[in-house]
Each structure stands twice: as C-alpha cells, then as structure tokens.
PDB file of N, CA and C in Angstrom:
ATOM      1  N   MET A   1      -1.106  78.413  98.698  1.00  0.00           N
ATOM      2  CA  MET A   1      -2.101  79.248  98.052  1.00  0.00           C
ATOM      3  C   MET A   1      -1.953  79.092  96.539  1.00  0.00           C
ATOM      4  N   ALA A   2      -3.053  78.956  95.834  1.00  0.00           N
ATOM      5  CA  ALA A   2      -3.018  78.775  94.394  1.00  0.00           C
ATOM      6  C   ALA A   2      -2.529  80.052  93.712  1.00  0.00           C
ATOM      7  N   PHE A   3      -1.860  79.870  92.575  1.00  0.00           N
ATOM      8  CA  PHE A   3      -1.299  81.007  91.844  1.00  0.00           C
ATOM      9  C   PHE A   3      -2.363  82.034  91.489  1.00  0.00           C
ATOM     10  N   SER A   4      -3.564  81.599  91.067  1.00  0.00           N
ATOM     11  CA  SER A   4      -4.620  82.540  90.691  1.00  0.00           C
ATOM     12  C   SER A   4      -5.076  83.372  91.889  1.00  0.00           C
ATOM     13  N   LYS A   5      -5.073  82.788  93.084  1.00  0.00           N
ATOM     14  CA  LYS A   5      -5.443  83.548  94.281  1.00  0.00           C
ATOM     15  C   LYS A   5      -4.372  84.578  94.618  1.00  0.00           C
ATOM     16  N   ILE A   6      -3.136  84.244  94.386  1.00  0.00           N
ATOM     17  CA  ILE A   6      -2.045  85.196  94.616  1.00  0.00           C
ATOM     18  C   ILE A   6      -2.177  86.374  93.655  1.00  0.00           C
ATOM     19  N   LEU A   7      -2.432  86.085  92.381  1.00  0.00           N
ATOM     20  CA  LEU A   7      -2.627  87.148  91.399  1.00  0.00           C
ATOM     21  C   LEU A   7      -3.801  88.036  91.774  1.00  0.00           C
ATOM     22  N   SER A   8      -4.906  87.421  92.185  1.00  0.00           N
ATOM     23  CA  SER A   8      -6.095  88.167  92.569  1.00  0.00           C
ATOM     24  C   SER A   8      -5.813  89.072  93.762  1.00  0.00           C
ATOM     25  N   SER A   9      -5.121  88.551  94.749  1.00  0.00           N
ATOM     26  CA  SER A   9      -4.765  89.346  95.932  1.00  0.00           C
ATOM     27  C   SER A   9      -3.844  90.504  95.555  1.00  0.00           C
ATOM     28  N   ALA A  10      -2.878  90.244  94.703  1.00  0.00           N
ATOM     29  CA  ALA A  10      -1.953  91.288  94.268  1.00  0.00           C
ATOM     30  C   ALA A  10      -2.692  92.383  93.499  1.00  0.00           C
ATOM     31  N   ALA A  11      -3.618  92.005  92.635  1.00  0.00           N
ATOM     32  CA  ALA A  11      -4.382  92.985  91.865  1.00  0.00           C
ATOM     33  C   ALA A  11      -5.208  93.876  92.789  1.00  0.00           C
ATOM     34  N   ARG A  12      -5.842  93.263  93.803  1.00  0.00           N
ATOM     35  CA  ARG A  12      -6.619  94.053  94.768  1.00  0.00           C
ATOM     36  C   ARG A  12      -5.721  94.997  95.555  1.00  0.00           C
ATOM     37  N   ALA A  13      -4.590  94.506  96.001  1.00  0.00           N
ATOM     38  CA  ALA A  13      -3.665  95.319  96.804  1.00  0.00           C
ATOM     39  C   ALA A  13      -3.129  96.505  96.008  1.00  0.00           C
ATOM     40  N   LEU A  14      -2.945  96.322  94.719  1.00  0.00           N
ATOM     41  CA  LEU A  14      -2.413  97.383  93.862  1.00  0.00           C
ATOM     42  C   LEU A  14      -3.512  98.214  93.192  1.00  0.00           C
ATOM     43  N   SER A  15      -4.775  97.939  93.544  1.00  0.00           N
ATOM     44  CA  SER A  15      -5.931  98.651  92.961  1.00  0.00           C
ATOM     45  C   SER A  15      -5.974  98.526  91.446  1.00  0.00           C
ATOM     46  N   LEU A  16      -5.631  97.354  90.944  1.00  0.00           N
ATOM     47  CA  LEU A  16      -5.683  97.089  89.505  1.00  0.00           C
ATOM     48  C   LEU A  16      -7.047  96.521  89.143  1.00  0.00           C
ATOM     49  N   PRO A  17      -7.503  96.760  87.925  1.00  0.00           N
ATOM     50  CA  PRO A  17      -8.812  96.216  87.529  1.00  0.00           C
ATOM     51  C   PRO A  17      -8.775  94.696  87.435  1.00  0.00           C
ATOM     52  N   PRO A  18      -9.865  94.026  87.819  1.00  0.00           N
ATOM     53  CA  PRO A  18      -9.892  92.566  87.773  1.00  0.00           C
ATOM     54  C   PRO A  18      -9.707  91.992  86.369  1.00  0.00           C
ATOM     55  N   SER A  19      -9.998  92.782  85.336  1.00  0.00           N
ATOM     56  CA  SER A  19      -9.897  92.285  83.967  1.00  0.00           C
ATOM     57  C   SER A  19      -8.477  91.935  83.551  1.00  0.00           C
ATOM     58  N   ILE A  20      -7.472  92.351  84.316  1.00  0.00           N
ATOM     59  CA  ILE A  20      -6.094  91.997  83.952  1.00  0.00           C
ATOM     60  C   ILE A  20      -5.768  90.562  84.313  1.00  0.00           C
ATOM     61  N   LEU A  21      -6.590  89.950  85.151  1.00  0.00           N
ATOM     62  CA  LEU A  21      -6.337  88.573  85.556  1.00  0.00           C
ATOM     63  C   LEU A  21      -6.729  87.623  84.437  1.00  0.00           C
ATOM     64  N   PRO A  22      -5.968  86.566  84.221  1.00  0.00           N
ATOM     65  CA  PRO A  22      -6.221  85.674  83.086  1.00  0.00           C
ATOM     66  C   PRO A  22      -7.566  84.946  83.138  1.00  0.00           C
ATOM     67  N   GLN A  23      -8.134  84.718  84.316  1.00  0.00           N
ATOM     68  CA  GLN A  23      -9.371  83.968  84.411  1.00  0.00           C
ATOM     69  C   GLN A  23     -10.610  84.862  84.425  1.00  0.00           C
ATOM     70  N   SER A  24     -10.450  86.179  84.277  1.00  0.00           N
ATOM     71  CA  SER A  24     -11.606  87.069  84.338  1.00  0.00           C
ATOM     72  C   SER A  24     -11.895  87.674  82.968  1.00  0.00           C
ATOM     73  N   SER A  25     -13.164  87.931  82.725  1.00  0.00           N
ATOM     74  CA  SER A  25     -13.605  88.550  81.485  1.00  0.00           C
ATOM     75  C   SER A  25     -14.232  89.891  81.814  1.00  0.00           C
ATOM     76  N   GLU A  26     -14.311  90.741  80.807  1.00  0.00           N
ATOM     77  CA  GLU A  26     -14.918  92.056  80.996  1.00  0.00           C
ATOM     78  C   GLU A  26     -15.981  92.257  79.927  1.00  0.00           C
ATOM     79  N   LEU A  27     -17.184  92.588  80.370  1.00  0.00           N
ATOM     80  CA  LEU A  27     -18.313  92.827  79.475  1.00  0.00           C
ATOM     81  C   LEU A  27     -18.643  94.307  79.535  1.00  0.00           C
ATOM     82  N   THR A  28     -18.656  94.965  78.380  1.00  0.00           N
ATOM     83  CA  THR A  28     -18.961  96.390  78.311  1.00  0.00           C
ATOM     84  C   THR A  28     -20.165  96.590  77.415  1.00  0.00           C
ATOM     85  N   VAL A  29     -21.224  97.170  77.954  1.00  0.00           N
ATOM     86  CA  VAL A  29     -22.397  97.503  77.157  1.00  0.00           C
ATOM     87  C   VAL A  29     -22.129  98.879  76.557  1.00  0.00           C
ATOM     88  N   LEU A  30     -22.011  98.931  75.242  1.00  0.00           N
ATOM     89  CA  LEU A  30     -21.652 100.182  74.559  1.00  0.00           C
ATOM     90  C   LEU A  30     -22.872 101.073  74.344  1.00  0.00           C
ATOM     91  N   ASN A  31     -23.996 100.470  74.031  1.00  0.00           N
ATOM     92  CA  ASN A  31     -25.281 101.169  73.930  1.00  0.00           C
ATOM     93  C   ASN A  31     -26.382 100.115  73.950  1.00  0.00           C
ATOM     94  N   ALA A  32     -27.603 100.499  73.683  1.00  0.00           N
ATOM     95  CA  ALA A  32     -28.730  99.568  73.802  1.00  0.00           C
ATOM     96  C   ALA A  32     -28.638  98.386  72.842  1.00  0.00           C
ATOM     97  N   ASN A  33     -27.857  98.520  71.786  1.00  0.00           N
ATOM     98  CA  ASN A  33     -27.814  97.476  70.769  1.00  0.00           C
ATOM     99  C   ASN A  33     -26.419  96.926  70.480  1.00  0.00           C
ATOM    100  N   ARG A  34     -25.455  97.212  71.339  1.00  0.00           N
ATOM    101  CA  ARG A  34     -24.084  96.757  71.050  1.00  0.00           C
ATOM    102  C   ARG A  34     -23.315  96.552  72.356  1.00  0.00           C
ATOM    103  N   LEU A  35     -22.513  95.481  72.386  1.00  0.00           N
ATOM    104  CA  LEU A  35     -21.655  95.246  73.543  1.00  0.00           C
ATOM    105  C   LEU A  35     -20.341  94.646  73.105  1.00  0.00           C
ATOM    106  N   TYR A  36     -19.385  94.703  74.037  1.00  0.00           N
ATOM    107  CA  TYR A  36     -18.035  94.205  73.804  1.00  0.00           C
ATOM    108  C   TYR A  36     -17.679  93.250  74.938  1.00  0.00           C
ATOM    109  N   LEU A  37     -17.156  92.081  74.595  1.00  0.00           N
ATOM    110  CA  LEU A  37     -16.719  91.094  75.576  1.00  0.00           C
ATOM    111  C   LEU A  37     -15.237  90.844  75.362  1.00  0.00           C
ATOM    112  N   ASP A  38     -14.462  91.016  76.431  1.00  0.00           N
ATOM    113  CA  ASP A  38     -13.017  90.818  76.352  1.00  0.00           C
ATOM    114  C   ASP A  38     -12.608  89.642  77.232  1.00  0.00           C
ATOM    115  N   ASN A  39     -11.647  88.896  76.780  1.00  0.00           N
ATOM    116  CA  ASN A  39     -11.066  87.764  77.493  1.00  0.00           C
ATOM    117  C   ASN A  39     -12.027  86.578  77.609  1.00  0.00           C
ATOM    118  N   HIS A  40     -12.702  86.255  76.511  1.00  0.00           N
ATOM    119  CA  HIS A  40     -13.520  85.039  76.479  1.00  0.00           C
ATOM    120  C   HIS A  40     -12.686  83.906  75.896  1.00  0.00           C
ATOM    121  N   ARG A  41     -13.207  82.696  75.985  1.00  0.00           N
ATOM    122  CA  ARG A  41     -12.474  81.532  75.473  1.00  0.00           C
ATOM    123  C   ARG A  41     -13.151  80.883  74.275  1.00  0.00           C
ATOM    124  N   GLY A  42     -14.161  81.537  73.734  1.00  0.00           N
ATOM    125  CA  GLY A  42     -14.810  81.010  72.544  1.00  0.00           C
ATOM    126  C   GLY A  42     -16.320  81.106  72.613  1.00  0.00           C
ATOM    127  N   VAL A  43     -16.937  80.874  71.474  1.00  0.00           N
ATOM    128  CA  VAL A  43     -18.394  80.879  71.358  1.00  0.00           C
ATOM    129  C   VAL A  43     -18.868  79.440  71.515  1.00  0.00           C
ATOM    130  N   LEU A  44     -19.736  79.204  72.492  1.00  0.00           N
ATOM    131  CA  LEU A  44     -20.269  77.854  72.711  1.00  0.00           C
ATOM    132  C   LEU A  44     -21.490  77.577  71.845  1.00  0.00           C
ATOM    133  N   SER A  45     -22.303  78.610  71.633  1.00  0.00           N
ATOM    134  CA  SER A  45     -23.528  78.454  70.850  1.00  0.00           C
ATOM    135  C   SER A  45     -23.968  79.825  70.369  1.00  0.00           C
ATOM    136  N   ALA A  46     -24.575  79.863  69.183  1.00  0.00           N
ATOM    137  CA  ALA A  46     -25.030  81.153  68.661  1.00  0.00           C
ATOM    138  C   ALA A  46     -26.209  80.969  67.717  1.00  0.00           C
ATOM    139  N   SER A  47     -27.149  81.880  67.809  1.00  0.00           N
ATOM    140  CA  SER A  47     -28.266  81.966  66.870  1.00  0.00           C
ATOM    141  C   SER A  47     -28.706  83.421  66.843  1.00  0.00           C
ATOM    142  N   SER A  48     -29.783  83.712  66.141  1.00  0.00           N
ATOM    143  CA  SER A  48     -30.259  85.096  66.065  1.00  0.00           C
ATOM    144  C   SER A  48     -30.964  85.539  67.345  1.00  0.00           C
ATOM    145  N   VAL A  49     -31.232  84.607  68.267  1.00  0.00           N
ATOM    146  CA  VAL A  49     -31.917  84.971  69.517  1.00  0.00           C
ATOM    147  C   VAL A  49     -31.057  84.765  70.763  1.00  0.00           C
ATOM    148  N   TYR A  50     -29.916  84.097  70.656  1.00  0.00           N
ATOM    149  CA  TYR A  50     -29.023  83.947  71.814  1.00  0.00           C
ATOM    150  C   TYR A  50     -27.595  83.653  71.369  1.00  0.00           C
ATOM    151  N   ILE A  51     -26.667  84.059  72.220  1.00  0.00           N
ATOM    152  CA  ILE A  51     -25.247  83.775  72.008  1.00  0.00           C
ATOM    153  C   ILE A  51     -24.675  83.402  73.364  1.00  0.00           C
ATOM    154  N   VAL A  52     -23.908  82.324  73.423  1.00  0.00           N
ATOM    155  CA  VAL A  52     -23.300  81.878  74.675  1.00  0.00           C
ATOM    156  C   VAL A  52     -21.783  81.843  74.503  1.00  0.00           C
ATOM    157  N   PHE A  53     -21.079  82.532  75.402  1.00  0.00           N
ATOM    158  CA  PHE A  53     -19.624  82.580  75.391  1.00  0.00           C
ATOM    159  C   PHE A  53     -19.065  81.787  76.562  1.00  0.00           C
ATOM    160  N   ASP A  54     -17.929  81.136  76.325  1.00  0.00           N
ATOM    161  CA  ASP A  54     -17.170  80.464  77.379  1.00  0.00           C
ATOM    162  C   ASP A  54     -16.229  81.501  77.984  1.00  0.00           C
ATOM    163  N   CYS A  55     -16.333  81.704  79.302  1.00  0.00           N
ATOM    164  CA  CYS A  55     -15.487  82.689  79.987  1.00  0.00           C
ATOM    165  C   CYS A  55     -14.813  82.041  81.189  1.00  0.00           C
ATOM    166  N   ALA A  56     -13.935  81.109  80.941  1.00  0.00           N
ATOM    167  CA  ALA A  56     -13.160  80.403  81.975  1.00  0.00           C
ATOM    168  C   ALA A  56     -14.059  79.636  82.925  1.00  0.00           C
ATOM    169  N   LYS A  57     -14.336  80.166  84.106  1.00  0.00           N
ATOM    170  CA  LYS A  57     -15.110  79.434  85.115  1.00  0.00           C
ATOM    171  C   LYS A  57     -16.616  79.588  84.967  1.00  0.00           C
ATOM    172  N   TYR A  58     -17.067  80.401  84.023  1.00  0.00           N
ATOM    173  CA  TYR A  58     -18.499  80.635  83.846  1.00  0.00           C
ATOM    174  C   TYR A  58     -18.823  80.866  82.371  1.00  0.00           C
ATOM    175  N   THR A  59     -20.100  80.960  82.083  1.00  0.00           N
ATOM    176  CA  THR A  59     -20.559  81.282  80.736  1.00  0.00           C
ATOM    177  C   THR A  59     -21.323  82.601  80.781  1.00  0.00           C
ATOM    178  N   VAL A  60     -21.349  83.293  79.653  1.00  0.00           N
ATOM    179  CA  VAL A  60     -22.139  84.510  79.501  1.00  0.00           C
ATOM    180  C   VAL A  60     -23.151  84.231  78.406  1.00  0.00           C
ATOM    181  N   GLU A  61     -24.444  84.362  78.731  1.00  0.00           N
ATOM    182  CA  GLU A  61     -25.509  84.124  77.767  1.00  0.00           C
ATOM    183  C   GLU A  61     -26.197  85.446  77.459  1.00  0.00           C
ATOM    184  N   LEU A  62     -26.239  85.778  76.178  1.00  0.00           N
ATOM    185  CA  LEU A  62     -26.880  86.998  75.706  1.00  0.00           C
ATOM    186  C   LEU A  62     -28.155  86.597  74.978  1.00  0.00           C
ATOM    187  N   ILE A  63     -29.278  87.149  75.383  1.00  0.00           N
ATOM    188  CA  ILE A  63     -30.566  86.820  74.775  1.00  0.00           C
ATOM    189  C   ILE A  63     -31.177  88.085  74.203  1.00  0.00           C
ATOM    190  N   GLY A  64     -31.741  87.974  73.006  1.00  0.00           N
ATOM    191  CA  GLY A  64     -32.357  89.130  72.371  1.00  0.00           C
ATOM    192  C   GLY A  64     -32.912  88.766  71.009  1.00  0.00           C
ATOM    193  N   LYS A  65     -33.045  89.759  70.182  1.00  0.00           N
ATOM    194  CA  LYS A  65     -33.542  89.579  68.812  1.00  0.00           C
ATOM    195  C   LYS A  65     -32.482  90.086  67.853  1.00  0.00           C
ATOM    196  N   ASN A  66     -32.406  89.449  66.701  1.00  0.00           N
ATOM    197  CA  ASN A  66     -31.450  89.847  65.658  1.00  0.00           C
ATOM    198  C   ASN A  66     -30.018  89.918  66.186  1.00  0.00           C
ATOM    199  N   MET A  67     -29.657  88.967  67.037  1.00  0.00           N
ATOM    200  CA  MET A  67     -28.318  88.946  67.630  1.00  0.00           C
ATOM    201  C   MET A  67     -27.292  88.517  66.576  1.00  0.00           C
ATOM    202  N   VAL A  68     -26.203  89.277  66.506  1.00  0.00           N
ATOM    203  CA  VAL A  68     -25.151  89.022  65.522  1.00  0.00           C
ATOM    204  C   VAL A  68     -23.797  89.240  66.192  1.00  0.00           C
ATOM    205  N   ILE A  69     -22.868  88.335  65.941  1.00  0.00           N
ATOM    206  CA  ILE A  69     -21.485  88.552  66.365  1.00  0.00           C
ATOM    207  C   ILE A  69     -20.822  89.331  65.236  1.00  0.00           C
ATOM    208  N   ASP A  70     -20.624  90.634  65.464  1.00  0.00           N
ATOM    209  CA  ASP A  70     -20.068  91.498  64.415  1.00  0.00           C
ATOM    210  C   ASP A  70     -18.591  91.207  64.168  1.00  0.00           C
ATOM    211  N   ALA A  71     -17.866  90.957  65.229  1.00  0.00           N
ATOM    212  CA  ALA A  71     -16.435  90.662  65.113  1.00  0.00           C
ATOM    213  C   ALA A  71     -16.049  89.776  66.279  1.00  0.00           C
ATOM    214  N   VAL A  72     -15.250  88.764  66.000  1.00  0.00           N
ATOM    215  CA  VAL A  72     -14.768  87.898  67.067  1.00  0.00           C
ATOM    216  C   VAL A  72     -13.293  87.628  66.825  1.00  0.00           C
ATOM    217  N   GLY A  73     -12.531  87.828  67.872  1.00  0.00           N
ATOM    218  CA  GLY A  73     -11.103  87.564  67.807  1.00  0.00           C
ATOM    219  C   GLY A  73     -10.768  86.414  68.737  1.00  0.00           C
ATOM    220  N   ARG A  74      -9.502  86.220  68.948  1.00  0.00           N
ATOM    221  CA  ARG A  74      -9.052  85.120  69.800  1.00  0.00           C
ATOM    222  C   ARG A  74      -9.626  85.223  71.212  1.00  0.00           C
ATOM    223  N   SER A  75      -9.763  86.454  71.724  1.00  0.00           N
ATOM    224  CA  SER A  75     -10.280  86.606  73.084  1.00  0.00           C
ATOM    225  C   SER A  75     -11.268  87.756  73.246  1.00  0.00           C
ATOM    226  N   SER A  76     -11.700  88.368  72.156  1.00  0.00           N
ATOM    227  CA  SER A  76     -12.646  89.472  72.259  1.00  0.00           C
ATOM    228  C   SER A  76     -13.723  89.352  71.192  1.00  0.00           C
ATOM    229  N   ALA A  77     -14.861  90.012  71.457  1.00  0.00           N
ATOM    230  CA  ALA A  77     -15.968  89.952  70.505  1.00  0.00           C
ATOM    231  C   ALA A  77     -16.839  91.191  70.634  1.00  0.00           C
ATOM    232  N   PHE A  78     -17.380  91.638  69.498  1.00  0.00           N
ATOM    233  CA  PHE A  78     -18.409  92.665  69.460  1.00  0.00           C
ATOM    234  C   PHE A  78     -19.704  91.984  69.056  1.00  0.00           C
ATOM    235  N   VAL A  79     -20.776  92.274  69.791  1.00  0.00           N
ATOM    236  CA  VAL A  79     -22.082  91.686  69.513  1.00  0.00           C
ATOM    237  C   VAL A  79     -23.092  92.811  69.356  1.00  0.00           C
ATOM    238  N   SER A  80     -23.994  92.673  68.382  1.00  0.00           N
ATOM    239  CA  SER A  80     -25.056  93.660  68.220  1.00  0.00           C
ATOM    240  C   SER A  80     -26.392  92.949  68.115  1.00  0.00           C
ATOM    241  N   GLY A  81     -27.439  93.687  68.345  1.00  0.00           N
ATOM    242  CA  GLY A  81     -28.801  93.167  68.294  1.00  0.00           C
ATOM    243  C   GLY A  81     -29.652  93.835  69.351  1.00  0.00           C
ATOM    244  N   GLU A  82     -30.903  93.437  69.428  1.00  0.00           N
ATOM    245  CA  GLU A  82     -31.820  93.988  70.423  1.00  0.00           C
ATOM    246  C   GLU A  82     -31.674  93.168  71.705  1.00  0.00           C
ATOM    247  N   LEU A  83     -30.714  93.530  72.514  1.00  0.00           N
ATOM    248  CA  LEU A  83     -30.376  92.794  73.726  1.00  0.00           C
ATOM    249  C   LEU A  83     -31.506  92.886  74.750  1.00  0.00           C
ATOM    250  N   GLU A  84     -31.983  91.718  75.211  1.00  0.00           N
ATOM    251  CA  GLU A  84     -33.050  91.668  76.205  1.00  0.00           C
ATOM    252  C   GLU A  84     -32.551  91.254  77.577  1.00  0.00           C
ATOM    253  N   SER A  85     -31.552  90.373  77.624  1.00  0.00           N
ATOM    254  CA  SER A  85     -31.012  89.962  78.921  1.00  0.00           C
ATOM    255  C   SER A  85     -29.601  89.428  78.786  1.00  0.00           C
ATOM    256  N   ILE A  86     -28.880  89.536  79.904  1.00  0.00           N
ATOM    257  CA  ILE A  86     -27.534  89.000  80.031  1.00  0.00           C
ATOM    258  C   ILE A  86     -27.547  88.121  81.271  1.00  0.00           C
ATOM    259  N   SER A  87     -27.096  86.878  81.142  1.00  0.00           N
ATOM    260  CA  SER A  87     -27.036  86.012  82.333  1.00  0.00           C
ATOM    261  C   SER A  87     -25.675  85.329  82.394  1.00  0.00           C
ATOM    262  N   PHE A  88     -25.287  85.009  83.613  1.00  0.00           N
ATOM    263  CA  PHE A  88     -24.014  84.363  83.875  1.00  0.00           C
ATOM    264  C   PHE A  88     -24.277  83.027  84.542  1.00  0.00           C
ATOM    265  N   GLY A  89     -23.568  82.012  84.117  1.00  0.00           N
ATOM    266  CA  GLY A  89     -23.735  80.686  84.708  1.00  0.00           C
ATOM    267  C   GLY A  89     -22.401  80.073  85.046  1.00  0.00           C
ATOM    268  N   ARG A  90     -22.378  79.311  86.113  1.00  0.00           N
ATOM    269  CA  ARG A  90     -21.157  78.596  86.504  1.00  0.00           C
ATOM    270  C   ARG A  90     -21.011  77.367  85.632  1.00  0.00           C
ATOM    271  N   LYS A  91     -19.786  77.121  85.182  1.00  0.00           N
ATOM    272  CA  LYS A  91     -19.529  75.892  84.428  1.00  0.00           C
ATOM    273  C   LYS A  91     -19.420  74.743  85.408  1.00  0.00           C
ATOM    274  N   ARG A  92     -19.832  73.571  84.991  1.00  0.00           N
ATOM    275  CA  ARG A  92     -19.807  72.386  85.868  1.00  0.00           C
ATOM    276  C   ARG A  92     -18.590  71.569  85.634  1.00  0.00           C
TER     277      ARG A  92
END
C-alpha cells in the first residue's frame, strides 16, 4: 500500500481533517469577495480575470473580475475580487 494511502486511511480512522495530509489543499471562502487557499504548490497563471493554483494532483481555477492575489506564501494565499466561479481540474 502506498504511503499516501496509509496516511489517508489513518486520518479517516482518527477523524482528522483531510487538510493535514500533504497532498490535499483546503479552500475557504471567507466572504463574497475573498478566499483563502492553504497547501498549494504555486501560482500557475494569474490575471485580473482568473488565477490558477497548482494543488498537487489537481489545479484550482478562480474566475471573476478584479482578481488580485493579496498575499501569497510558500503554501498559502489570500485572493480577493468579484469571484464568479471556482473549478477543479485533474493534472495530466
């Protein structure tokens, strides 16, 4: 069994949140115009109408108007703007 599957099984058995696992990210919508993304691996693309984050096995695409990355750290980011949609895609 792969190490990541063992970690995932252990987290479920102990009722721990999935965000503690190294390959998972957590997206929190703070209000209509602000969100927080934790445990990402970087910004793949950004403009005033979309922002794409690398999140291990998938990407998170934020689409809206006046999109701005207010703060970005090694693994977390705050984004603001008029958010219209959030989509997730599998990396190939």
